[in-house]
C-alpha atoms as a PDB file:
ATOM      1  CA  MET A   1      -5.295  15.226  22.888  1.00  0.00           C
ATOM      2  CA  ALA A   2      -3.056  14.088  20.009  1.00  0.00           C
ATOM      3  CA  LYS A   3      -3.495  10.484  18.918  1.00  0.00           C
ATOM      4  CA  ARG A   4      -0.552   8.237  19.772  1.00  0.00           C
ATOM      5  CA  THR A   5       1.091   6.033  17.172  1.00  0.00           C
ATOM      6  CA  THR A   6       0.881   2.298  17.914  1.00  0.00           C
ATOM      7  CA  PRO A   7       4.413   1.253  19.046  1.00  0.00           C
ATOM      8  CA  TRP A   8       6.226  -0.966  16.563  1.00  0.00           C
ATOM      9  CA  LYS A   9       7.120  -4.536  17.494  1.00  0.00           C
ATOM     10  CA  GLU A  10       7.934  -7.303  15.021  1.00  0.00           C
ATOM     11  CA  GLY A  11       5.273 -10.004  15.135  1.00  0.00           C
ATOM     12  CA  LYS A  12       2.586  -7.726  16.564  1.00  0.00           C
ATOM     13  CA  VAL A  13      -0.815  -8.357  14.937  1.00  0.00           C
ATOM     14  CA  ILE A  14      -3.061  -5.362  14.464  1.00  0.00           C
ATOM     15  CA  SER A  15      -6.523  -4.570  13.152  1.00  0.00           C
ATOM     16  CA  ILE A  16      -6.763  -1.505  10.899  1.00  0.00           C
ATOM     17  CA  GLU A  17      -9.931   0.251   9.823  1.00  0.00           C
ATOM     18  CA  THR A  18      -9.970   0.762   6.054  1.00  0.00           C
ATOM     19  CA  ARG A  19     -13.094   2.805   5.471  1.00  0.00           C
ATOM     20  CA  LYS A  20     -15.481   3.210   8.392  1.00  0.00           C
ATOM     21  CA  GLY A  21     -16.712  -0.168   9.598  1.00  0.00           C
ATOM     22  CA  ILE A  22     -14.392  -2.403   7.530  1.00  0.00           C
ATOM     23  CA  PHE A  23     -11.315  -3.806   9.281  1.00  0.00           C
ATOM     24  CA  VAL A  24      -8.282  -5.714   7.978  1.00  0.00           C
ATOM     25  CA  LEU A  25      -5.613  -7.790   9.745  1.00  0.00           C
ATOM     26  CA  ALA A  26      -1.931  -6.923   9.444  1.00  0.00           C
ATOM     27  CA  GLN A  27       1.307  -8.060  11.066  1.00  0.00           C
ATOM     28  CA  MET A  28       4.319  -5.899  11.829  1.00  0.00           C
ATOM     29  CA  LEU A  29       7.511  -7.131  10.188  1.00  0.00           C
ATOM     30  CA  LYS A  30      10.846  -5.343  10.156  1.00  0.00           C
ATOM     31  CA  SER A  31       9.989  -1.645  10.393  1.00  0.00           C
ATOM     32  CA  PRO A  32       8.434  -0.077   8.337  1.00  0.00           C
ATOM     33  CA  TYR A  33       6.919  -3.150   6.616  1.00  0.00           C
ATOM     34  CA  LEU A  34       3.436  -4.488   7.280  1.00  0.00           C
ATOM     35  CA  ARG A  35       2.110  -7.760   5.924  1.00  0.00           C
ATOM     36  CA  PHE A  36      -1.589  -7.352   5.205  1.00  0.00           C
ATOM     37  CA  TYR A  37      -3.723 -10.485   5.234  1.00  0.00           C
ATOM     38  CA  LYS A  38      -6.741 -11.260   3.114  1.00  0.00           C
ATOM     39  CA  ALA A  39      -8.838 -11.107   6.254  1.00  0.00           C
ATOM     40  CA  PHE A  40     -11.599  -8.530   6.630  1.00  0.00           C
ATOM     41  CA  ARG A  41     -14.384  -8.042   9.156  1.00  0.00           C
ATOM     42  CA  GLU A  42     -17.173  -5.555   9.799  1.00  0.00           C
ATOM     43  CA  ASP A  43     -16.222  -5.544  13.490  1.00  0.00           C
ATOM     44  CA  GLU A  44     -13.034  -6.108  15.494  1.00  0.00           C
ATOM     45  CA  ASN A  45     -14.049  -9.354  17.192  1.00  0.00           C
ATOM     46  CA  TRP A  46     -11.028 -11.255  15.882  1.00  0.00           C
ATOM     47  CA  GLY A  47     -10.602 -13.330  19.050  1.00  0.00           C
ATOM     48  CA  LYS A  48      -7.598 -15.647  19.329  1.00  0.00           C
ATOM     49  CA  ILE A  49      -6.975 -15.609  15.613  1.00  0.00           C
ATOM     50  CA  ASP A  50      -4.102 -17.506  13.982  1.00  0.00           C
ATOM     51  CA  VAL A  51      -3.081 -15.346  11.020  1.00  0.00           C
ATOM     52  CA  SER A  52      -1.250 -18.238   9.353  1.00  0.00           C
ATOM     53  CA  ILE A  53      -4.613 -19.478   8.029  1.00  0.00           C
ATOM     54  CA  PHE A  54      -4.952 -16.397   5.797  1.00  0.00           C
ATOM     55  CA  GLU A  55      -3.378 -15.584   2.436  1.00  0.00           C
ATOM     56  CA  THR A  56      -1.037 -12.638   2.196  1.00  0.00           C
ATOM     57  CA  LEU A  57      -2.882  -9.766   0.550  1.00  0.00           C
ATOM     58  CA  PHE A  58       0.350  -7.779   0.086  1.00  0.00           C
ATOM     59  CA  THR A  59       3.374  -6.588   2.038  1.00  0.00           C
ATOM     60  CA  LYS A  60       4.109  -2.865   2.071  1.00  0.00           C
ATOM     61  CA  SER A  61       6.341  -0.299   3.749  1.00  0.00           C
ATOM     62  CA  ILE A  62       4.238   2.367   5.447  1.00  0.00           C
ATOM     63  CA  THR A  63       4.694   5.789   6.998  1.00  0.00           C
ATOM     64  CA  THR A  64       4.500   4.964  10.692  1.00  0.00           C
ATOM     65  CA  LYS A  65       3.986   8.587  11.730  1.00  0.00           C
ATOM     66  CA  SER A  66       1.136   9.067   9.251  1.00  0.00           C
ATOM     67  CA  PHE A  67      -0.554   5.785   8.440  1.00  0.00           C
ATOM     68  CA  LEU A  68      -0.491   4.247  11.918  1.00  0.00           C
ATOM     69  CA  LYS A  69      -1.051   7.533  13.744  1.00  0.00           C
ATOM     70  CA  HIS A  70      -4.085   8.651  11.764  1.00  0.00           C
ATOM     71  CA  SER A  71      -5.675   5.246  11.112  1.00  0.00           C
ATOM     72  CA  ASN A  72      -7.938   3.502  13.596  1.00  0.00           C
ATOM     73  CA  VAL A  73      -5.558   0.772  14.811  1.00  0.00           C
ATOM     74  CA  SER A  74      -6.108  -1.865  17.510  1.00  0.00           C
ATOM     75  CA  VAL A  75      -3.628  -4.437  18.782  1.00  0.00           C
ATOM     76  CA  ILE A  76      -5.022  -7.993  18.707  1.00  0.00           C
ATOM     77  CA  LYS A  77      -3.352  -9.239  21.883  1.00  0.00           C
ATOM     78  CA  ASP A  78      -4.562 -12.845  21.616  1.00  0.00           C
ATOM     79  CA  ALA A  79      -3.634 -13.236  17.951  1.00  0.00           C
ATOM     80  CA  ILE A  80      -1.053 -15.818  16.900  1.00  0.00           C
ATOM     81  CA  PRO A  81       1.444 -14.268  14.452  1.00  0.00           C
ATOM     82  CA  ASP A  82       2.947 -16.045  11.465  1.00  0.00           C
ATOM     83  CA  LEU A  83       6.694 -15.955  12.101  1.00  0.00           C
ATOM     84  CA  GLU A  84       7.607 -18.517   9.431  1.00  0.00           C
ATOM     85  CA  ARG A  85       6.124 -17.025   6.269  1.00  0.00           C
ATOM     86  CA  GLU A  86       8.554 -15.542   3.763  1.00  0.00           C
ATOM     87  CA  ASP A  87       7.697 -12.293   2.017  1.00  0.00           C
ATOM     88  CA  SER A  88       8.592 -11.618  -1.581  1.00  0.00           C
ATOM     89  CA  LYS A  89      11.945 -10.028  -2.425  1.00  0.00           C
ATOM     90  CA  ILE A  90      10.716  -9.052  -5.898  1.00  0.00           C
ATOM     91  CA  TRP A  91       9.169  -5.614  -6.342  1.00  0.00           C
ATOM     92  CA  ILE A  92       8.217  -3.066  -8.977  1.00  0.00           C
ATOM     93  CA  LYS A  93      10.062   0.240  -9.086  1.00  0.00           C
ATOM     94  CA  ASN A  94       8.335   3.033 -10.986  1.00  0.00           C
ATOM     95  CA  LYS A  95      10.274   5.239 -13.382  1.00  0.00           C
ATOM     96  CA  SER A  96      11.868   8.399 -12.001  1.00  0.00           C
ATOM     97  CA  GLY A  97      10.247  11.798 -12.289  1.00  0.00           C
ATOM     98  CA  HIS A  98       6.592  12.745 -12.652  1.00  0.00           C
ATOM     99  CA  ARG A  99       4.044  13.122 -15.421  1.00  0.00           C
ATOM    100  CA  LYS A 100       0.560  14.522 -15.861  1.00  0.00           C
ATOM    101  CA  VAL A 101      -2.243  12.005 -16.297  1.00  0.00           C
ATOM    102  CA  LYS A 102      -5.932  12.351 -17.100  1.00  0.00           C
ATOM    103  CA  VAL A 103      -8.591   9.834 -16.092  1.00  0.00           C
ATOM    104  CA  TRP A 104     -12.208   9.532 -17.239  1.00  0.00           C
ATOM    105  CA  GLU A 105     -11.500  12.005 -20.017  1.00  0.00           C
ATOM    106  CA  GLY A 106     -14.603  13.653 -21.426  1.00  0.00           C
ATOM    107  CA  LYS A 107     -16.777  12.531 -18.520  1.00  0.00           C
ATOM    108  CA  GLU A 108     -18.301  14.609 -15.748  1.00  0.00           C
ATOM    109  CA  ASN A 109     -15.790  13.265 -13.227  1.00  0.00           C
ATOM    110  CA  GLU A 110     -12.700  13.859 -15.428  1.00  0.00           C
ATOM    111  CA  LYS A 111      -9.529  14.395 -13.356  1.00  0.00           C
ATOM    112  CA  GLU A 112      -6.067  15.604 -14.330  1.00  0.00           C
ATOM    113  CA  PHE A 113      -3.143  15.388 -11.921  1.00  0.00           C
ATOM    114  CA  TYR A 114       0.527  14.485 -11.578  1.00  0.00           C
ATOM    115  CA  THR A 115       1.646  10.961 -10.775  1.00  0.00           C
ATOM    116  CA  LEU A 116       4.927   9.118 -10.266  1.00  0.00           C
ATOM    117  CA  GLY A 117       7.079   8.272 -13.278  1.00  0.00           C
ATOM    118  CA  GLU A 118       8.042  10.494 -16.164  1.00  0.00           C
ATOM    119  CA  GLU A 119       7.458   7.411 -18.318  1.00  0.00           C
ATOM    120  CA  VAL A 120       4.678   4.830 -18.114  1.00  0.00           C
ATOM    121  CA  GLY A 121       5.532   1.547 -16.385  1.00  0.00           C
ATOM    122  CA  GLY A 122       8.372   0.356 -14.199  1.00  0.00           C
ATOM    123  CA  SER A 123      11.196  -2.108 -13.564  1.00  0.00           C
ATOM    124  CA  LEU A 124      11.132  -5.496 -11.870  1.00  0.00           C
ATOM    125  CA  VAL A 125      13.701  -5.388  -9.083  1.00  0.00           C
ATOM    126  CA  GLU A 126      15.020  -7.435  -6.190  1.00  0.00           C
ATOM    127  CA  MET A 127      14.946  -5.848  -2.728  1.00  0.00           C
ATOM    128  CA  ASP A 128      15.280  -7.947   0.421  1.00  0.00           C
ATOM    129  CA  LEU A 129      13.238  -6.265   3.150  1.00  0.00           C
ATOM    130  CA  GLU A 130      15.471  -7.886   5.803  1.00  0.00           C
ATOM    131  CA  TRP A 131      18.538  -6.013   4.514  1.00  0.00           C
ATOM    132  CA  SER A 132      20.210  -3.505   6.844  1.00  0.00           C
ATOM    133  CA  PRO A 133      23.125  -1.132   6.174  1.00  0.00           C
ATOM    134  CA  THR A 134      26.565  -2.028   7.515  1.00  0.00           C
ATOM    135  CA  PRO A 135      29.828  -0.037   7.684  1.00  0.00           C
ATOM    136  CA  SER A 136      31.145  -2.004   4.696  1.00  0.00           C
ATOM    137  CA  GLN A 137      27.870  -1.744   2.728  1.00  0.00           C
ATOM    138  CA  PRO A 138      25.988   1.420   3.735  1.00  0.00           C
ATOM    139  CA  VAL A 139      23.668   1.242   0.684  1.00  0.00           C
ATOM    140  CA  ARG A 140      22.157  -1.582  -1.328  1.00  0.00           C
ATOM    141  CA  ALA A 141      24.237  -3.380  -3.965  1.00  0.00           C
ATOM    142  CA  HIS A 142      22.713  -1.848  -7.104  1.00  0.00           C
ATOM    143  CA  ILE A 143      24.301   1.352  -8.427  1.00  0.00           C
ATOM    144  CA  SER A 144      21.120   3.238  -7.458  1.00  0.00           C
ATOM    145  CA  GLY A 145      21.649   2.292  -3.812  1.00  0.00           C
ATOM    146  CA  VAL A 146      17.889   1.742  -3.566  1.00  0.00           C
ATOM    147  CA  VAL A 147      17.508  -1.899  -4.691  1.00  0.00           C
ATOM    148  CA  ASP A 148      19.639  -5.042  -4.669  1.00  0.00           C
ATOM    149  CA  SER A 149      19.392  -5.693  -8.417  1.00  0.00           C
ATOM    150  CA  VAL A 150      17.292  -4.951 -11.499  1.00  0.00           C
ATOM    151  CA  LEU A 151      15.769  -8.083 -13.024  1.00  0.00           C
ATOM    152  CA  VAL A 152      13.761  -6.507 -15.877  1.00  0.00           C
ATOM    153  CA  GLU A 153      14.431  -2.887 -16.853  1.00  0.00           C
ATOM    154  CA  ASN A 154      11.070  -2.359 -18.539  1.00  0.00           C
ATOM    155  CA  ILE A 155       8.143  -4.583 -17.616  1.00  0.00           C
ATOM    156  CA  PRO A 156       5.941  -5.050 -20.723  1.00  0.00           C
ATOM    157  CA  LEU A 157       2.729  -3.095 -20.156  1.00  0.00           C
ATOM    158  CA  ASN A 158       0.685  -6.145 -21.189  1.00  0.00           C
ATOM    159  CA  ASN A 159       2.389  -8.495 -18.730  1.00  0.00           C
ATOM    160  CA  ASN A 160      -0.507  -8.435 -16.290  1.00  0.00           C
ATOM    161  CA  ASP A 161       0.688 -11.497 -14.354  1.00  0.00           C
ATOM    162  CA  VAL A 162       3.955  -9.824 -13.342  1.00  0.00           C
ATOM    163  CA  ILE A 163       2.340  -6.435 -12.707  1.00  0.00           C
ATOM    164  CA  ASN A 164      -0.456  -7.895 -10.584  1.00  0.00           C
ATOM    165  CA  GLU A 165       1.810 -10.234  -8.619  1.00  0.00           C
ATOM    166  CA  HIS A 166       4.354  -7.694  -7.371  1.00  0.00           C
ATOM    167  CA  GLU A 167       4.121  -4.689  -5.098  1.00  0.00           C
ATOM    168  CA  LEU A 168       5.289  -1.172  -5.861  1.00  0.00           C
ATOM    169  CA  ILE A 169       8.262   0.105  -3.886  1.00  0.00           C
ATOM    170  CA  GLY A 170       7.206   3.126  -1.877  1.00  0.00           C
ATOM    171  CA  LEU A 171       5.535   4.115   1.361  1.00  0.00           C
ATOM    172  CA  GLY A 172       1.846   3.565   2.014  1.00  0.00           C
ATOM    173  CA  VAL A 173       0.237   6.722   3.395  1.00  0.00           C
ATOM    174  CA  TYR A 174      -3.028   7.681   5.062  1.00  0.00           C
ATOM    175  CA  PRO A 175      -5.740   7.789   3.750  1.00  0.00           C
ATOM    176  CA  LEU A 176      -4.780   6.420   0.310  1.00  0.00           C
ATOM    177  CA  MET A 177      -3.594   3.128   1.792  1.00  0.00           C
ATOM    178  CA  ASN A 178      -6.833   2.810   3.760  1.00  0.00           C
ATOM    179  CA  GLU A 179      -8.868   3.356   0.594  1.00  0.00           C
ATOM    180  CA  ARG A 180      -6.762   0.828  -1.289  1.00  0.00           C
ATOM    181  CA  LEU A 181      -7.413  -1.734   1.451  1.00  0.00           C
ATOM    182  CA  TYR A 182     -11.131  -1.006   1.267  1.00  0.00           C
ATOM    183  CA  LEU A 183     -11.036  -1.595  -2.500  1.00  0.00           C
ATOM    184  CA  CYS A 184      -9.244  -4.909  -1.886  1.00  0.00           C
ATOM    185  CA  TYR A 185     -12.146  -5.838   0.391  1.00  0.00           C
ATOM    186  CA  LYS A 186     -14.705  -4.722  -2.201  1.00  0.00           C
ATOM    187  CA  TYR A 187     -13.046  -6.586  -5.096  1.00  0.00           C
ATOM    188  CA  ASP A 188     -12.050  -9.584  -2.928  1.00  0.00           C
ATOM    189  CA  LYS A 189      -8.501  -9.417  -4.285  1.00  0.00           C
ATOM    190  CA  ASN A 190      -5.352  -7.296  -4.184  1.00  0.00           C
ATOM    191  CA  VAL A 191      -5.826  -4.087  -6.172  1.00  0.00           C
ATOM    192  CA  ASP A 192      -3.698  -0.932  -6.290  1.00  0.00           C
ATOM    193  CA  PRO A 193      -5.042   2.274  -7.875  1.00  0.00           C
ATOM    194  CA  LEU A 194      -1.587   3.887  -7.933  1.00  0.00           C
ATOM    195  CA  LYS A 195      -0.068   0.919  -9.785  1.00  0.00           C
ATOM    196  CA  ASP A 196      -2.909   1.014 -12.296  1.00  0.00           C
ATOM    197  CA  ILE A 197      -2.209   4.709 -12.908  1.00  0.00           C
ATOM    198  CA  ILE A 198       1.539   4.133 -13.257  1.00  0.00           C
ATOM    199  CA  PHE A 199       0.963   1.354 -15.821  1.00  0.00           C
ATOM    200  CA  ASN A 200      -1.634   3.399 -17.719  1.00  0.00           C
ATOM    201  CA  ARG A 201      -4.442   0.912 -17.105  1.00  0.00           C
ATOM    202  CA  GLU A 202      -8.144   1.579 -17.428  1.00  0.00           C
ATOM    203  CA  ILE A 203      -9.427   3.122 -14.201  1.00  0.00           C
ATOM    204  CA  PRO A 204     -12.781   1.868 -12.870  1.00  0.00           C
ATOM    205  CA  GLU A 205     -15.366   4.244 -11.420  1.00  0.00           C
ATOM    206  CA  ASP A 206     -14.933   2.513  -8.041  1.00  0.00           C
ATOM    207  CA  TYR A 207     -11.558   4.274  -7.767  1.00  0.00           C
ATOM    208  CA  LYS A 208     -13.275   7.665  -7.446  1.00  0.00           C
ATOM    209  CA  ILE A 209     -12.205   8.356  -3.847  1.00  0.00           C
ATOM    210  CA  ALA A 210      -8.672   7.026  -4.444  1.00  0.00           C
ATOM    211  CA  ILE A 211      -8.345   9.339  -7.452  1.00  0.00           C
ATOM    212  CA  GLU A 212      -9.678  12.257  -5.399  1.00  0.00           C
ATOM    213  CA  ILE A 213      -6.973  11.593  -2.809  1.00  0.00           C
ATOM    214  CA  MET A 214      -4.187  11.169  -5.398  1.00  0.00           C
ATOM    215  CA  SER A 215      -5.206  14.346  -7.202  1.00  0.00           C
ATOM    216  CA  GLY A 216      -5.029  16.425  -4.045  1.00  0.00           C
ATOM    217  CA  GLY A 217      -8.602  16.189  -2.822  1.00  0.00           C
ATOM    218  CA  GLY A 218      -9.929  19.290  -4.570  1.00  0.00           C
ATOM    219  CA  GLY A 219      -9.016  21.766  -1.829  1.00  0.00           C
ATOM    220  CA  LYS A 220      -8.925  21.721   1.956  1.00  0.00           C
ATOM    221  CA  GLU A 221     -12.692  21.708   2.439  1.00  0.00           C
ATOM    222  CA  ASN A 222     -13.191  18.706   0.160  1.00  0.00           C
ATOM    223  CA  LYS A 223     -10.234  16.873   1.745  1.00  0.00           C
ATOM    224  CA  GLU A 224     -11.845  17.244   5.160  1.00  0.00           C
ATOM    225  CA  LYS A 225     -15.191  16.098   3.759  1.00  0.00           C
ATOM    226  CA  ILE A 226     -13.570  12.947   2.337  1.00  0.00           C
ATOM    227  CA  LEU A 227     -11.848  12.202   5.642  1.00  0.00           C
ATOM    228  CA  ASP A 228     -15.010  12.790   7.687  1.00  0.00           C
ATOM    229  CA  THR A 229     -17.242  10.798   5.307  1.00  0.00           C
ATOM    230  CA  TYR A 230     -15.075   7.730   4.842  1.00  0.00           C
ATOM    231  CA  PHE A 231     -12.196   7.523   7.300  1.00  0.00           C
ATOM    232  CA  ARG A 232     -12.773   9.169  10.679  1.00  0.00           C
END
């Protein structure tokens, strides 16, 4: 029987399995955005949890038909949602196009693959996640139609505070988003392997599975092995 996607409802609090046995709390905002909390457990005994006591880990748009359908998701019925918190309107938009990157060059686990952005880095932009199209304004205000405005065209590659503080525009997908959330648990902070690739940062060995996923998984058999070993 095909797995059903958890129905979307603003304010719904859910528990999502990152890797096997590690769960994170998230709250549904305006579709398709989820606010992930810095709240992890090795079981799903969340009880009557008030999510307002937790820091925001990050807020991200996700592919509802992929991420929610394929992830292990449970609705926390007794949870108290945070309906007052404001989510950032400032985001990072990667450069257009694609480029080939190589990580761990010269090592046994060297990987070469294509990533987002013909150029390294990205722009700091404003994008209100509450915005909706109207007959008079069917697209966003910026000439691109994708964002409201561009604040900084080229974020300096050494501006770690800005890069670390803001989320990439783009959809979170299964299982890369799950692995990212697991790495956040492991590092006890918000990390993003894709952002680190886009900004040409040094890639730690702990990103091995994330890099495997981003590089295509090394064939169907290895993809299935990764999914069976870590995610299902």
